[in-house]
Amino acid sequence: MSKQHTSDAKIIVITGASSGIGKATSERLVEEGYKVALLARSEDKLSGLVDELGNNNAYAIKVDVSDYDALNDAFAKVIDHYGHIDGVFANAGTGAKTPGIENGDVDDWSTMLGVNVNGLLYTAKASLPLLKERQGHFLLTSSVAGRIALKGSVYGASKWFAYGFGQNLAEEMREWGGKCTTICPGMVNTPFFDEPKEDKLAPQDIADAVVYALSSSKTACVREVYVMPND
């Protein structure tokens, strides 16, 4: 694949890009004229998405965000391909199979926190030096679950971490002119659910929120976007 080095195109890296919010956001960003780097664990889905978006607009890498060395290597490949990045959407996340603390599964928690907490930390750690070069933008997916109390929810607690992390990271990035936005959706129709739920948000609604945050002026930072169903 030929390299797409350019100083003009805005390059956004998306984790959890192969389905749901990540896929919808990649599609919307390409419509808006961005180029995207797609990171996820599903190689088949990533390949299909690149075919849909076009090789000139999308570049995909199979990676597990809970593996820091692999993630760091993935960012190096993105830079080798595109030459720079302007933004990162840390969207990768997963839920718990069994609710509650008493009945929860420790291995299940470990897997979930590896993605929802460590994966978020690792994505920021690997990308900040690259974003700093262009006063870039870091966006992350928290949740309404990170703003309310949910009985025994370890998933909700992981999203509380994401919410607080985003606020703190915004202050760190502000020191060098960078931006950080925390996206807080209500329940979204994603692969979390076996059947579509009509009273929930669509992934495209969150893609709109990402585009909104990215479109802010140089002197303003949209720190948080809180999106809930309206029906």
C-alpha atoms as a PDB file:
ATOM      1  CA  MET A   1       0.000   0.000   0.000  1.00  0.00           C
ATOM      2  CA  SER A   2       1.380   3.406  -0.962  1.00  0.00           C
ATOM      3  CA  LYS A   3       2.032   5.965   1.713  1.00  0.00           C
ATOM      4  CA  GLN A   4      -0.398   8.857   1.979  1.00  0.00           C
ATOM      5  CA  HIS A   5       1.943  11.478   3.447  1.00  0.00           C
ATOM      6  CA  THR A   6       0.327  14.904   3.195  1.00  0.00           C
ATOM      7  CA  SER A   7       0.469  18.095   5.223  1.00  0.00           C
ATOM      8  CA  ASP A   8      -3.068  19.139   4.266  1.00  0.00           C
ATOM      9  CA  ALA A   9      -5.421  16.294   5.144  1.00  0.00           C
ATOM     10  CA  LYS A  10      -6.622  15.974   8.722  1.00  0.00           C
ATOM     11  CA  ILE A  11      -5.818  12.514  10.049  1.00  0.00           C
ATOM     12  CA  ILE A  12      -7.922  10.980  12.846  1.00  0.00           C
ATOM     13  CA  VAL A  13      -7.091   7.669  14.545  1.00  0.00           C
ATOM     14  CA  ILE A  14     -10.113   5.700  15.802  1.00  0.00           C
ATOM     15  CA  THR A  15      -9.931   2.762  18.186  1.00  0.00           C
ATOM     16  CA  GLY A  16     -12.776   0.276  18.322  1.00  0.00           C
ATOM     17  CA  ALA A  17     -13.261   1.274  14.699  1.00  0.00           C
ATOM     18  CA  SER A  18     -14.648  -1.910  13.178  1.00  0.00           C
ATOM     19  CA  SER A  19     -18.285  -1.602  14.290  1.00  0.00           C
ATOM     20  CA  GLY A  20     -20.848   0.525  16.116  1.00  0.00           C
ATOM     21  CA  ILE A  21     -19.796   4.040  17.082  1.00  0.00           C
ATOM     22  CA  GLY A  22     -16.281   3.638  15.679  1.00  0.00           C
ATOM     23  CA  LYS A  23     -17.490   2.505  12.262  1.00  0.00           C
ATOM     24  CA  ALA A  24     -20.156   5.198  12.050  1.00  0.00           C
ATOM     25  CA  THR A  25     -17.630   7.855  13.053  1.00  0.00           C
ATOM     26  CA  SER A  26     -15.095   6.721  10.481  1.00  0.00           C
ATOM     27  CA  GLU A  27     -17.755   6.905   7.777  1.00  0.00           C
ATOM     28  CA  ARG A  28     -18.867  10.372   8.846  1.00  0.00           C
ATOM     29  CA  LEU A  29     -15.324  11.727   9.105  1.00  0.00           C
ATOM     30  CA  VAL A  30     -14.464  10.548   5.602  1.00  0.00           C
ATOM     31  CA  GLU A  31     -17.650  12.251   4.358  1.00  0.00           C
ATOM     32  CA  GLU A  32     -16.351  15.442   6.000  1.00  0.00           C
ATOM     33  CA  GLY A  33     -13.006  15.198   4.201  1.00  0.00           C
ATOM     34  CA  TYR A  34     -10.854  13.615   6.908  1.00  0.00           C
ATOM     35  CA  LYS A  35      -8.626  10.597   6.475  1.00  0.00           C
ATOM     36  CA  VAL A  36      -8.824   7.911   9.129  1.00  0.00           C
ATOM     37  CA  ALA A  37      -6.632   5.264  10.701  1.00  0.00           C
ATOM     38  CA  LEU A  38      -8.772   2.392  11.931  1.00  0.00           C
ATOM     39  CA  LEU A  39      -7.665   0.329  14.935  1.00  0.00           C
ATOM     40  CA  ALA A  40      -9.579  -2.710  16.180  1.00  0.00           C
ATOM     41  CA  ARG A  41      -9.249  -6.421  16.885  1.00  0.00           C
ATOM     42  CA  SER A  42     -11.403  -7.681  13.990  1.00  0.00           C
ATOM     43  CA  GLU A  43      -9.238  -7.872  10.887  1.00  0.00           C
ATOM     44  CA  ASP A  44     -12.101  -8.995   8.629  1.00  0.00           C
ATOM     45  CA  LYS A  45     -14.354  -6.101   9.645  1.00  0.00           C
ATOM     46  CA  LEU A  46     -11.502  -3.627   9.278  1.00  0.00           C
ATOM     47  CA  SER A  47     -10.731  -4.872   5.770  1.00  0.00           C
ATOM     48  CA  GLY A  48     -14.365  -4.503   4.786  1.00  0.00           C
ATOM     49  CA  LEU A  49     -14.480  -0.960   6.144  1.00  0.00           C
ATOM     50  CA  VAL A  50     -11.347   0.054   4.248  1.00  0.00           C
ATOM     51  CA  ASP A  51     -12.913  -1.340   1.077  1.00  0.00           C
ATOM     52  CA  GLU A  52     -16.011   0.762   1.777  1.00  0.00           C
ATOM     53  CA  LEU A  53     -14.136   3.982   2.555  1.00  0.00           C
ATOM     54  CA  GLY A  54     -11.351   3.575   0.007  1.00  0.00           C
ATOM     55  CA  ASN A  55      -7.614   3.047   0.413  1.00  0.00           C
ATOM     56  CA  ASN A  56      -6.982   6.747  -0.101  1.00  0.00           C
ATOM     57  CA  ASN A  57      -9.167   7.608   2.887  1.00  0.00           C
ATOM     58  CA  ALA A  58      -8.621   4.774   5.368  1.00  0.00           C
ATOM     59  CA  TYR A  59      -5.777   2.688   6.727  1.00  0.00           C
ATOM     60  CA  ALA A  60      -6.404  -0.203   9.120  1.00  0.00           C
ATOM     61  CA  ILE A  61      -4.330  -2.001  11.740  1.00  0.00           C
ATOM     62  CA  LYS A  62      -5.417  -4.990  13.785  1.00  0.00           C
ATOM     63  CA  VAL A  63      -4.489  -4.315  17.419  1.00  0.00           C
ATOM     64  CA  ASP A  64      -5.664  -4.923  20.970  1.00  0.00           C
ATOM     65  CA  VAL A  65      -5.663  -1.603  22.860  1.00  0.00           C
ATOM     66  CA  SER A  66      -4.957  -3.408  26.139  1.00  0.00           C
ATOM     67  CA  ASP A  67      -1.498  -4.343  24.799  1.00  0.00           C
ATOM     68  CA  TYR A  68       0.622  -1.192  25.109  1.00  0.00           C
ATOM     69  CA  ASP A  69       3.575  -2.378  23.034  1.00  0.00           C
ATOM     70  CA  ALA A  70       1.312  -3.471  20.192  1.00  0.00           C
ATOM     71  CA  LEU A  71      -0.627  -0.210  20.381  1.00  0.00           C
ATOM     72  CA  ASN A  72       2.536   1.869  20.362  1.00  0.00           C
ATOM     73  CA  ASP A  73       3.691  -0.060  17.298  1.00  0.00           C
ATOM     74  CA  ALA A  74       0.329   0.583  15.636  1.00  0.00           C
ATOM     75  CA  PHE A  75       0.740   4.341  16.060  1.00  0.00           C
ATOM     76  CA  ALA A  76       4.219   4.102  14.557  1.00  0.00           C
ATOM     77  CA  LYS A  77       2.671   2.386  11.521  1.00  0.00           C
ATOM     78  CA  VAL A  78       0.054   5.133  11.241  1.00  0.00           C
ATOM     79  CA  ILE A  79       2.788   7.778  11.209  1.00  0.00           C
ATOM     80  CA  ASP A  80       4.763   5.791   8.652  1.00  0.00           C
ATOM     81  CA  HIS A  81       1.660   5.671   6.461  1.00  0.00           C
ATOM     82  CA  TYR A  82       0.207   9.168   6.868  1.00  0.00           C
ATOM     83  CA  GLY A  83       3.143  11.194   8.215  1.00  0.00           C
ATOM     84  CA  HIS A  84       1.205  12.792  11.069  1.00  0.00           C
ATOM     85  CA  ILE A  85      -2.009  12.651  13.078  1.00  0.00           C
ATOM     86  CA  ASP A  86      -4.333  15.486  14.071  1.00  0.00           C
ATOM     87  CA  GLY A  87      -6.716  13.667  16.361  1.00  0.00           C
ATOM     88  CA  VAL A  88      -7.465  10.434  18.187  1.00  0.00           C
ATOM     89  CA  PHE A  89     -10.904   9.074  19.063  1.00  0.00           C
ATOM     90  CA  ALA A  90     -10.344   6.551  21.878  1.00  0.00           C
ATOM     91  CA  ASN A  91     -13.589   4.686  21.437  1.00  0.00           C
ATOM     92  CA  ALA A  92     -12.709   1.044  22.148  1.00  0.00           C
ATOM     93  CA  GLY A  93     -14.749  -0.392  24.995  1.00  0.00           C
ATOM     94  CA  THR A  94     -16.509  -3.493  26.191  1.00  0.00           C
ATOM     95  CA  GLY A  95     -19.059  -4.471  28.812  1.00  0.00           C
ATOM     96  CA  ALA A  96     -19.329  -7.056  31.579  1.00  0.00           C
ATOM     97  CA  LYS A  97     -21.126 -10.323  30.898  1.00  0.00           C
ATOM     98  CA  THR A  98     -22.456 -10.694  34.443  1.00  0.00           C
ATOM     99  CA  PRO A  99     -23.816  -7.661  36.339  1.00  0.00           C
ATOM    100  CA  GLY A 100     -23.074  -6.804  39.942  1.00  0.00           C
ATOM    101  CA  ILE A 101     -20.168  -7.280  42.336  1.00  0.00           C
ATOM    102  CA  GLU A 102     -21.167 -10.344  44.314  1.00  0.00           C
ATOM    103  CA  ASN A 103     -22.048 -12.340  41.208  1.00  0.00           C
ATOM    104  CA  GLY A 104     -19.460 -10.734  38.938  1.00  0.00           C
ATOM    105  CA  ASP A 105     -16.662 -12.669  37.274  1.00  0.00           C
ATOM    106  CA  VAL A 106     -13.087 -11.603  38.077  1.00  0.00           C
ATOM    107  CA  ASP A 107     -11.691 -12.671  34.701  1.00  0.00           C
ATOM    108  CA  ASP A 108     -14.499 -10.814  32.975  1.00  0.00           C
ATOM    109  CA  TRP A 109     -13.634  -7.678  34.944  1.00  0.00           C
ATOM    110  CA  SER A 110      -9.970  -8.019  34.047  1.00  0.00           C
ATOM    111  CA  THR A 111     -10.748  -8.175  30.330  1.00  0.00           C
ATOM    112  CA  MET A 112     -13.176  -5.252  30.500  1.00  0.00           C
ATOM    113  CA  LEU A 113     -10.889  -3.009  32.539  1.00  0.00           C
ATOM    114  CA  GLY A 114      -7.993  -3.896  30.244  1.00  0.00           C
ATOM    115  CA  VAL A 115      -9.918  -2.248  27.418  1.00  0.00           C
ATOM    116  CA  ASN A 116     -11.976   0.431  29.176  1.00  0.00           C
ATOM    117  CA  VAL A 117      -9.283   1.692  31.557  1.00  0.00           C
ATOM    118  CA  ASN A 118      -5.831   0.511  30.482  1.00  0.00           C
ATOM    119  CA  GLY A 119      -6.721   0.779  26.813  1.00  0.00           C
ATOM    120  CA  LEU A 120      -7.694   4.396  27.297  1.00  0.00           C
ATOM    121  CA  LEU A 121      -4.519   5.181  29.221  1.00  0.00           C
ATOM    122  CA  TYR A 122      -2.357   3.380  26.680  1.00  0.00           C
ATOM    123  CA  THR A 123      -4.014   5.129  23.733  1.00  0.00           C
ATOM    124  CA  ALA A 124      -3.332   8.512  25.311  1.00  0.00           C
ATOM    125  CA  LYS A 125       0.227   7.596  26.292  1.00  0.00           C
ATOM    126  CA  ALA A 126       1.077   6.383  22.785  1.00  0.00           C
ATOM    127  CA  SER A 127      -0.553   9.281  20.947  1.00  0.00           C
ATOM    128  CA  LEU A 128       0.146  12.414  22.997  1.00  0.00           C
ATOM    129  CA  PRO A 129       3.689  13.023  21.682  1.00  0.00           C
ATOM    130  CA  LEU A 130       2.303  12.772  18.144  1.00  0.00           C
ATOM    131  CA  LEU A 131      -0.663  15.035  18.864  1.00  0.00           C
ATOM    132  CA  LYS A 132       1.593  17.563  20.551  1.00  0.00           C
ATOM    133  CA  GLU A 133       3.425  18.123  17.271  1.00  0.00           C
ATOM    134  CA  ARG A 134       0.241  19.549  15.718  1.00  0.00           C
ATOM    135  CA  GLN A 135      -1.667  20.817  18.767  1.00  0.00           C
ATOM    136  CA  GLY A 136      -4.032  17.939  18.160  1.00  0.00           C
ATOM    137  CA  HIS A 137      -7.305  16.723  19.618  1.00  0.00           C
ATOM    138  CA  PHE A 138      -7.960  13.670  21.814  1.00  0.00           C
ATOM    139  CA  LEU A 139     -11.556  12.465  22.093  1.00  0.00           C
ATOM    140  CA  LEU A 140     -12.814   9.572  24.185  1.00  0.00           C
ATOM    141  CA  THR A 141     -16.027   7.670  24.756  1.00  0.00           C
ATOM    142  CA  SER A 142     -17.272   7.712  28.326  1.00  0.00           C
ATOM    143  CA  SER A 143     -21.008   7.250  28.965  1.00  0.00           C
ATOM    144  CA  VAL A 144     -23.993   8.509  30.881  1.00  0.00           C
ATOM    145  CA  ALA A 145     -23.043   5.506  33.059  1.00  0.00           C
ATOM    146  CA  GLY A 146     -19.982   7.541  34.046  1.00  0.00           C
ATOM    147  CA  ARG A 147     -22.179  10.310  35.435  1.00  0.00           C
ATOM    148  CA  ILE A 148     -24.750   8.385  37.487  1.00  0.00           C
ATOM    149  CA  ALA A 149     -24.878   5.591  40.065  1.00  0.00           C
ATOM    150  CA  LEU A 150     -25.747   2.157  38.692  1.00  0.00           C
ATOM    151  CA  LYS A 151     -26.252  -0.669  41.152  1.00  0.00           C
ATOM    152  CA  GLY A 152     -23.090  -2.795  41.332  1.00  0.00           C
ATOM    153  CA  SER A 153     -21.930  -1.797  37.850  1.00  0.00           C
ATOM    154  CA  VAL A 154     -18.211  -2.331  37.269  1.00  0.00           C
ATOM    155  CA  TYR A 155     -18.766  -1.219  33.680  1.00  0.00           C
ATOM    156  CA  GLY A 156     -20.265   2.021  34.993  1.00  0.00           C
ATOM    157  CA  ALA A 157     -17.267   2.489  37.278  1.00  0.00           C
ATOM    158  CA  SER A 158     -14.940   2.103  34.292  1.00  0.00           C
ATOM    159  CA  LYS A 159     -16.853   4.873  32.551  1.00  0.00           C
ATOM    160  CA  TRP A 160     -16.527   7.050  35.662  1.00  0.00           C
ATOM    161  CA  PHE A 161     -12.799   6.573  35.227  1.00  0.00           C
ATOM    162  CA  ALA A 162     -13.064   7.553  31.565  1.00  0.00           C
ATOM    163  CA  TYR A 163     -15.049  10.662  32.468  1.00  0.00           C
ATOM    164  CA  GLY A 164     -12.569  11.841  35.092  1.00  0.00           C
ATOM    165  CA  PHE A 165      -9.606  10.921  32.939  1.00  0.00           C
ATOM    166  CA  GLY A 166     -10.940  13.040  30.098  1.00  0.00           C
ATOM    167  CA  GLN A 167     -11.357  16.085  32.328  1.00  0.00           C
ATOM    168  CA  ASN A 168      -7.838  15.729  33.712  1.00  0.00           C
ATOM    169  CA  LEU A 169      -6.284  15.086  30.318  1.00  0.00           C
ATOM    170  CA  ALA A 170      -7.917  18.234  28.946  1.00  0.00           C
ATOM    171  CA  GLU A 171      -6.014  20.284  31.519  1.00  0.00           C
ATOM    172  CA  GLU A 172      -2.724  18.594  30.634  1.00  0.00           C
ATOM    173  CA  MET A 173      -3.200  19.073  26.887  1.00  0.00           C
ATOM    174  CA  ARG A 174      -4.249  22.692  27.329  1.00  0.00           C
ATOM    175  CA  GLU A 175      -0.680  23.510  28.398  1.00  0.00           C
ATOM    176  CA  TRP A 176       0.503  23.032  24.812  1.00  0.00           C
ATOM    177  CA  GLY A 177      -2.622  24.090  22.935  1.00  0.00           C
ATOM    178  CA  GLY A 178      -4.163  20.630  22.585  1.00  0.00           C
ATOM    179  CA  LYS A 179      -7.817  19.748  23.109  1.00  0.00           C
ATOM    180  CA  CYS A 180      -9.590  16.875  24.837  1.00  0.00           C
ATOM    181  CA  THR A 181     -13.285  16.057  24.516  1.00  0.00           C
ATOM    182  CA  THR A 182     -15.218  13.495  26.552  1.00  0.00           C
ATOM    183  CA  ILE A 183     -18.221  12.072  24.713  1.00  0.00           C
ATOM    184  CA  CYS A 184     -20.974  10.883  27.100  1.00  0.00           C
ATOM    185  CA  PRO A 185     -23.713   8.996  25.253  1.00  0.00           C
ATOM    186  CA  GLY A 186     -26.831   7.493  26.663  1.00  0.00           C
ATOM    187  CA  MET A 187     -27.581   3.954  25.532  1.00  0.00           C
ATOM    188  CA  VAL A 188     -26.548   3.421  21.912  1.00  0.00           C
ATOM    189  CA  ASN A 189     -27.576   0.673  19.510  1.00  0.00           C
ATOM    190  CA  THR A 190     -24.232  -1.092  19.162  1.00  0.00           C
ATOM    191  CA  PRO A 191     -23.051  -4.741  19.089  1.00  0.00           C
ATOM    192  CA  PHE A 192     -23.540  -4.678  22.894  1.00  0.00           C
ATOM    193  CA  PHE A 193     -27.159  -5.579  22.072  1.00  0.00           C
ATOM    194  CA  ASP A 194     -28.498  -8.592  20.197  1.00  0.00           C
ATOM    195  CA  GLU A 195     -31.636  -6.798  19.004  1.00  0.00           C
ATOM    196  CA  PRO A 196     -32.010  -3.164  17.839  1.00  0.00           C
ATOM    197  CA  LYS A 197     -33.621  -0.890  20.412  1.00  0.00           C
ATOM    198  CA  GLU A 198     -35.749   1.839  18.890  1.00  0.00           C
ATOM    199  CA  ASP A 199     -35.655   4.130  21.925  1.00  0.00           C
ATOM    200  CA  LYS A 200     -31.860   4.324  21.945  1.00  0.00           C
ATOM    201  CA  LEU A 201     -29.336   6.513  20.169  1.00  0.00           C
ATOM    202  CA  ALA A 202     -27.919   5.509  16.801  1.00  0.00           C
ATOM    203  CA  PRO A 203     -24.139   5.243  16.364  1.00  0.00           C
ATOM    204  CA  GLN A 204     -24.454   8.048  13.823  1.00  0.00           C
ATOM    205  CA  ASP A 205     -25.656  10.359  16.602  1.00  0.00           C
ATOM    206  CA  ILE A 206     -22.320   9.929  18.353  1.00  0.00           C
ATOM    207  CA  ALA A 207     -20.452  10.382  15.083  1.00  0.00           C
ATOM    208  CA  ASP A 208     -22.215  13.751  14.810  1.00  0.00           C
ATOM    209  CA  ALA A 209     -20.997  14.632  18.301  1.00  0.00           C
ATOM    210  CA  VAL A 210     -17.409  13.821  17.340  1.00  0.00           C
ATOM    211  CA  VAL A 211     -17.613  15.995  14.235  1.00  0.00           C
ATOM    212  CA  TYR A 212     -19.115  18.804  16.312  1.00  0.00           C
ATOM    213  CA  ALA A 213     -16.254  18.686  18.808  1.00  0.00           C
ATOM    214  CA  LEU A 214     -13.621  18.547  16.075  1.00  0.00           C
ATOM    215  CA  SER A 215     -15.142  21.569  14.330  1.00  0.00           C
ATOM    216  CA  SER A 216     -14.602  23.946  17.257  1.00  0.00           C
ATOM    217  CA  SER A 217     -12.524  27.056  16.665  1.00  0.00           C
ATOM    218  CA  LYS A 218      -8.829  27.216  17.493  1.00  0.00           C
ATOM    219  CA  THR A 219      -9.565  29.288  20.590  1.00  0.00           C
ATOM    220  CA  ALA A 220     -12.289  27.016  21.989  1.00  0.00           C
ATOM    221  CA  CYS A 221     -12.375  23.464  23.293  1.00  0.00           C
ATOM    222  CA  VAL A 222     -15.585  21.466  23.605  1.00  0.00           C
ATOM    223  CA  ARG A 223     -14.670  19.639  26.813  1.00  0.00           C
ATOM    224  CA  GLU A 224     -17.758  17.418  26.965  1.00  0.00           C
ATOM    225  CA  VAL A 225     -20.646  16.332  24.747  1.00  0.00           C
ATOM    226  CA  TYR A 226     -23.564  14.734  26.621  1.00  0.00           C
ATOM    227  CA  VAL A 227     -25.966  13.003  24.236  1.00  0.00           C
ATOM    228  CA  MET A 228     -29.285  11.437  25.216  1.00  0.00           C
ATOM    229  CA  PRO A 229     -32.226   9.995  23.214  1.00  0.00           C
ATOM    230  CA  ASN A 230     -34.978  12.512  22.564  1.00  0.00           C
ATOM    231  CA  ASP A 231     -37.921  10.122  22.325  1.00  0.00           C
END
